[in-house]
Amino acid sequence: MFSPKTKNNEWLTPKQAALELCISLSYVYKLIDTNQLPAHRIGVKLIRIKRSDLNGMYRPASETKE
């Protein structure tokens, strides 16, 4: 049976994802809407984000050219 609250917290709500990334909830929804952050819809309203997809958002900042 599917359970978003597994021991390793594999699935996150958009609010939890926002807290993890230290960004606003509205920006998480923008990332989801623009397909920059993969999300899975459960039914009509529930959205869940895989932690592994969230971890893929982290990348090194590019060096600035002088």
N, C-alpha and C. Protein backbone atom coordinates (compact mmCIF):
# COMPACT_ATOMS: atom_id res chain seq x y z
N MET A 1 0.83 -1.19 0.00
CA MET A 1 0.00 0.00 0.00
C MET A 1 0.88 1.25 0.00
N PHE A 2 0.46 2.26 -0.71
CA PHE A 2 1.21 3.52 -0.80
C PHE A 2 1.07 4.31 0.49
N SER A 3 2.18 4.77 0.97
CA SER A 3 2.15 5.62 2.15
C SER A 3 3.23 6.69 2.00
N PRO A 4 2.86 7.98 1.91
CA PRO A 4 3.86 9.02 1.74
C PRO A 4 4.73 9.21 2.97
N LYS A 5 4.33 8.67 4.10
CA LYS A 5 5.11 8.84 5.33
C LYS A 5 5.90 7.57 5.63
N THR A 6 6.89 7.30 4.79
CA THR A 6 7.75 6.16 5.02
C THR A 6 8.86 6.54 5.99
N LYS A 7 9.58 5.55 6.47
CA LYS A 7 10.63 5.82 7.44
C LYS A 7 11.70 6.75 6.88
N ASN A 8 12.01 6.61 5.60
CA ASN A 8 13.07 7.45 5.02
C ASN A 8 12.51 8.73 4.40
N ASN A 9 11.22 9.01 4.62
CA ASN A 9 10.58 10.23 4.11
C ASN A 9 10.86 10.43 2.62
N GLU A 10 10.58 9.40 1.84
CA GLU A 10 10.83 9.44 0.40
C GLU A 10 9.95 10.47 -0.31
N TRP A 11 8.74 10.70 0.19
CA TRP A 11 7.80 11.62 -0.44
C TRP A 11 7.61 12.86 0.42
N LEU A 12 7.59 14.03 -0.21
CA LEU A 12 7.42 15.30 0.50
C LEU A 12 6.23 16.06 -0.06
N THR A 13 5.60 16.84 0.78
CA THR A 13 4.56 17.76 0.32
C THR A 13 5.27 18.99 -0.27
N PRO A 14 4.58 19.79 -1.06
CA PRO A 14 5.20 21.03 -1.55
C PRO A 14 5.70 21.92 -0.40
N LYS A 15 4.96 21.97 0.70
CA LYS A 15 5.39 22.78 1.84
C LYS A 15 6.69 22.25 2.43
N GLN A 16 6.80 20.93 2.57
CA GLN A 16 8.03 20.34 3.08
C GLN A 16 9.19 20.59 2.13
N ALA A 17 8.93 20.52 0.83
CA ALA A 17 9.97 20.78 -0.16
C ALA A 17 10.45 22.22 -0.07
N ALA A 18 9.52 23.15 0.13
CA ALA A 18 9.89 24.56 0.27
C ALA A 18 10.79 24.75 1.49
N LEU A 19 10.47 24.10 2.58
CA LEU A 19 11.30 24.20 3.78
C LEU A 19 12.67 23.59 3.56
N GLU A 20 12.73 22.47 2.85
CA GLU A 20 14.01 21.81 2.57
C GLU A 20 14.92 22.71 1.72
N LEU A 21 14.32 23.37 0.71
CA LEU A 21 15.10 24.21 -0.20
C LEU A 21 15.26 25.64 0.29
N CYS A 22 14.59 25.98 1.39
CA CYS A 22 14.60 27.35 1.93
C CYS A 22 14.10 28.35 0.89
N ILE A 23 12.99 28.01 0.25
CA ILE A 23 12.35 28.90 -0.72
C ILE A 23 10.87 28.99 -0.38
N SER A 24 10.16 29.90 -1.03
CA SER A 24 8.74 30.08 -0.74
C SER A 24 7.92 28.94 -1.36
N LEU A 25 6.77 28.71 -0.77
CA LEU A 25 5.86 27.70 -1.28
C LEU A 25 5.39 28.05 -2.69
N SER A 26 5.15 29.34 -2.93
CA SER A 26 4.70 29.75 -4.28
C SER A 26 5.78 29.47 -5.32
N TYR A 27 7.05 29.58 -4.93
CA TYR A 27 8.13 29.28 -5.88
C TYR A 27 8.21 27.78 -6.16
N VAL A 28 7.92 26.95 -5.17
CA VAL A 28 7.88 25.50 -5.39
C VAL A 28 6.80 25.18 -6.43
N TYR A 29 5.63 25.80 -6.28
CA TYR A 29 4.56 25.57 -7.26
C TYR A 29 4.96 26.07 -8.64
N LYS A 30 5.70 27.16 -8.71
CA LYS A 30 6.17 27.66 -10.00
C LYS A 30 7.15 26.67 -10.63
N LEU A 31 8.04 26.11 -9.83
CA LEU A 31 8.98 25.11 -10.34
C LEU A 31 8.24 23.87 -10.85
N ILE A 32 7.20 23.48 -10.15
CA ILE A 32 6.40 22.34 -10.58
C ILE A 32 5.67 22.66 -11.88
N ASP A 33 5.05 23.84 -11.95
CA ASP A 33 4.29 24.24 -13.15
C ASP A 33 5.17 24.34 -14.39
N THR A 34 6.44 24.73 -14.21
CA THR A 34 7.35 24.88 -15.35
C THR A 34 8.19 23.62 -15.59
N ASN A 35 7.82 22.53 -14.92
CA ASN A 35 8.49 21.23 -15.06
C ASN A 35 9.97 21.25 -14.68
N GLN A 36 10.36 22.19 -13.85
CA GLN A 36 11.73 22.21 -13.35
C GLN A 36 11.89 21.33 -12.12
N LEU A 37 10.77 21.03 -11.48
CA LEU A 37 10.74 20.14 -10.32
C LEU A 37 9.67 19.08 -10.57
N PRO A 38 10.08 17.83 -10.81
CA PRO A 38 9.09 16.78 -11.04
C PRO A 38 8.21 16.57 -9.80
N ALA A 39 6.93 16.44 -10.01
CA ALA A 39 5.99 16.20 -8.93
C ALA A 39 4.95 15.20 -9.39
N HIS A 40 4.34 14.53 -8.44
CA HIS A 40 3.36 13.49 -8.74
C HIS A 40 2.04 13.88 -8.09
N ARG A 41 1.01 13.88 -8.89
CA ARG A 41 -0.32 14.23 -8.39
C ARG A 41 -1.03 12.95 -7.95
N ILE A 42 -1.61 13.01 -6.77
CA ILE A 42 -2.39 11.90 -6.23
C ILE A 42 -3.82 12.40 -6.11
N GLY A 43 -4.68 11.90 -6.98
CA GLY A 43 -6.04 12.41 -7.00
C GLY A 43 -6.07 13.79 -7.62
N VAL A 44 -7.00 14.60 -7.19
CA VAL A 44 -7.18 15.93 -7.77
C VAL A 44 -6.30 16.98 -7.10
N LYS A 45 -6.15 16.91 -5.78
CA LYS A 45 -5.49 17.99 -5.06
C LYS A 45 -4.10 17.67 -4.52
N LEU A 46 -3.85 16.43 -4.14
CA LEU A 46 -2.60 16.11 -3.47
C LEU A 46 -1.42 16.08 -4.43
N ILE A 47 -0.35 16.73 -4.06
CA ILE A 47 0.89 16.74 -4.83
C ILE A 47 1.99 16.24 -3.91
N ARG A 48 2.80 15.33 -4.42
CA ARG A 48 3.94 14.83 -3.66
C ARG A 48 5.18 14.89 -4.54
N ILE A 49 6.31 15.11 -3.89
CA ILE A 49 7.58 15.26 -4.56
C ILE A 49 8.53 14.22 -3.99
N LYS A 50 9.18 13.47 -4.86
CA LYS A 50 10.16 12.50 -4.41
C LYS A 50 11.39 13.24 -3.89
N ARG A 51 11.90 12.79 -2.76
CA ARG A 51 13.09 13.42 -2.19
C ARG A 51 14.25 13.36 -3.18
N SER A 52 14.37 12.27 -3.92
CA SER A 52 15.47 12.15 -4.89
C SER A 52 15.36 13.22 -5.98
N ASP A 53 14.12 13.57 -6.38
CA ASP A 53 13.94 14.64 -7.37
C ASP A 53 14.29 16.00 -6.75
N LEU A 54 13.96 16.16 -5.49
CA LEU A 54 14.28 17.40 -4.80
C LEU A 54 15.79 17.57 -4.68
N ASN A 55 16.47 16.47 -4.35
CA ASN A 55 17.93 16.53 -4.24
C ASN A 55 18.58 16.86 -5.57
N GLY A 56 17.91 16.53 -6.67
CA GLY A 56 18.43 16.87 -8.00
C GLY A 56 18.39 18.36 -8.29
N MET A 57 17.69 19.13 -7.48
CA MET A 57 17.63 20.58 -7.66
C MET A 57 18.94 21.26 -7.24
N TYR A 58 19.69 20.60 -6.37
CA TYR A 58 20.95 21.17 -5.90
C TYR A 58 22.01 20.99 -6.96
N ARG A 59 22.70 22.07 -7.29
CA ARG A 59 23.82 22.00 -8.23
C ARG A 59 24.78 23.13 -7.89
N PRO A 60 26.03 22.99 -8.26
CA PRO A 60 26.99 24.04 -7.94
C PRO A 60 26.67 25.32 -8.69
N ALA A 61 26.92 26.42 -8.03
CA ALA A 61 26.72 27.71 -8.70
C ALA A 61 27.82 27.89 -9.75
N SER A 62 27.45 28.40 -10.91
CA SER A 62 28.45 28.59 -11.96
C SER A 62 29.33 29.79 -11.60
N GLU A 63 30.55 29.71 -12.02
CA GLU A 63 31.48 30.81 -11.74
C GLU A 63 31.10 32.00 -12.61
N THR A 64 31.22 33.17 -12.03
CA THR A 64 30.92 34.37 -12.80
C THR A 64 32.13 34.75 -13.63
N LYS A 65 31.87 35.22 -14.84
CA LYS A 65 32.97 35.66 -15.72
C LYS A 65 33.29 37.10 -15.44
N GLU A 66 34.56 37.37 -15.37
CA GLU A 66 34.97 38.76 -15.10
C GLU A 66 35.52 39.40 -16.32
